[in-house]
Amino acid sequence: LSKKEIINGGKVLVKKVLEFKPQFAAVLGIGAYRTAFNQPKTKLGLQKEKVGDAKIWLLPNPSGLNAHYQLNDLAELFSELRKTIKND
């Protein structure tokens, strides 16, 4: 995807979150998030920023092409999100 497409996708995501009002929104793909929301130094996990009242949680892209995170790493990161939602 081009930078413009990623930024437009971020705008679409914001509209959907504002419309459906979830407590949490998980975004998969740190590079896409950094581009879409102009947050070049953001890290995985719970973000400081919210969309409406929704807390934003950033996770790595689980694609098999993402060599930075193995299955066990992904499971742990997704488990952290689950625990946070459960305890919120």
Protein backbone atom coordinates (compact mmCIF):
# COMPACT_ATOMS: atom_id res chain seq x y z
CA LEU A 1 0.00 0.00 0.00
CA SER A 2 1.09 3.56 -0.61
CA LYS A 3 1.53 6.07 2.21
CA LYS A 4 -1.62 7.86 1.02
CA GLU A 5 -3.63 4.62 1.12
CA ILE A 6 -2.41 3.86 4.65
CA ILE A 7 -3.30 7.36 5.85
CA ASN A 8 -6.75 7.07 4.26
CA GLY A 9 -7.18 3.68 5.93
CA GLY A 10 -6.43 5.30 9.28
CA LYS A 11 -9.17 7.86 8.64
CA VAL A 12 -11.62 5.08 7.80
CA LEU A 13 -10.66 3.25 11.00
CA VAL A 14 -11.26 6.38 13.09
CA LYS A 15 -14.73 6.83 11.53
CA LYS A 16 -15.64 3.20 12.25
CA VAL A 17 -14.43 3.38 15.85
CA LEU A 18 -16.42 6.58 16.40
CA GLU A 19 -19.49 4.97 14.83
CA PHE A 20 -19.40 1.61 16.62
CA LYS A 21 -17.91 2.86 19.93
CA PRO A 22 -15.87 -0.15 21.07
CA GLN A 23 -14.00 0.01 24.38
CA PHE A 24 -10.82 -1.12 22.63
CA ALA A 25 -9.56 -1.06 19.06
CA ALA A 26 -6.62 -3.27 18.13
CA VAL A 27 -4.46 -2.19 15.22
CA LEU A 28 -2.28 -4.84 13.59
CA GLY A 29 0.91 -3.55 12.03
CA ILE A 30 3.25 -1.12 13.73
CA GLY A 31 4.54 0.38 10.48
CA ALA A 32 1.05 1.04 9.17
CA TYR A 33 -0.02 2.57 12.48
CA ARG A 34 3.01 4.84 12.59
CA THR A 35 2.24 6.05 9.08
CA ALA A 36 -1.55 6.30 9.38
CA PHE A 37 -1.49 8.23 12.64
CA ASN A 38 1.81 10.12 12.25
CA GLN A 39 3.31 8.44 15.31
CA PRO A 40 6.82 7.50 14.11
CA LYS A 41 8.15 6.45 17.51
CA THR A 42 5.16 4.58 18.90
CA LYS A 43 5.66 1.17 20.51
CA LEU A 44 3.50 -1.93 20.75
CA GLY A 45 0.78 -2.15 23.37
CA LEU A 46 -1.67 0.34 24.80
CA GLN A 47 -1.36 3.78 23.22
CA LYS A 48 -1.67 7.13 25.00
CA GLU A 49 -4.05 8.35 22.32
CA LYS A 50 -7.69 7.32 22.21
CA VAL A 51 -10.23 7.45 19.42
CA GLY A 52 -13.36 8.77 21.06
CA ASP A 53 -13.53 6.68 24.24
CA ALA A 54 -11.83 3.67 22.65
CA LYS A 55 -8.43 2.66 23.93
CA ILE A 56 -6.03 1.81 21.13
CA TRP A 57 -3.84 -1.27 21.35
CA LEU A 58 -1.07 -1.77 18.81
CA LEU A 59 0.03 -5.26 17.83
CA PRO A 60 2.48 -6.52 15.22
CA ASN A 61 1.19 -7.78 11.91
CA PRO A 62 0.67 -11.54 12.42
CA SER A 63 1.51 -12.35 8.80
CA GLY A 64 3.94 -15.20 8.29
CA LEU A 65 6.00 -12.72 6.30
CA ASN A 66 6.73 -10.78 9.50
CA ALA A 67 9.97 -12.40 10.62
CA HIS A 68 10.34 -10.14 13.66
CA TYR A 69 7.73 -12.00 15.73
CA GLN A 70 7.44 -15.74 16.11
CA LEU A 71 4.19 -17.50 17.02
CA ASN A 72 5.00 -17.62 20.74
CA ASP A 73 5.78 -13.88 20.74
CA LEU A 74 2.52 -13.10 18.98
CA ALA A 75 0.54 -15.29 21.37
CA GLU A 76 2.03 -13.46 24.34
CA LEU A 77 1.29 -10.03 22.87
CA PHE A 78 -2.30 -10.94 21.98
CA SER A 79 -2.71 -12.46 25.45
CA GLU A 80 -1.65 -9.14 27.02
CA LEU A 81 -4.44 -7.40 25.11
CA ARG A 82 -6.95 -10.03 26.24
CA LYS A 83 -5.92 -9.63 29.89
CA THR A 84 -6.14 -5.86 29.66
CA ILE A 85 -9.65 -6.00 28.19
CA LYS A 86 -10.76 -8.53 30.79
CA ASN A 87 -9.46 -6.37 33.65
CA ASP A 88 -10.74 -3.05 32.29
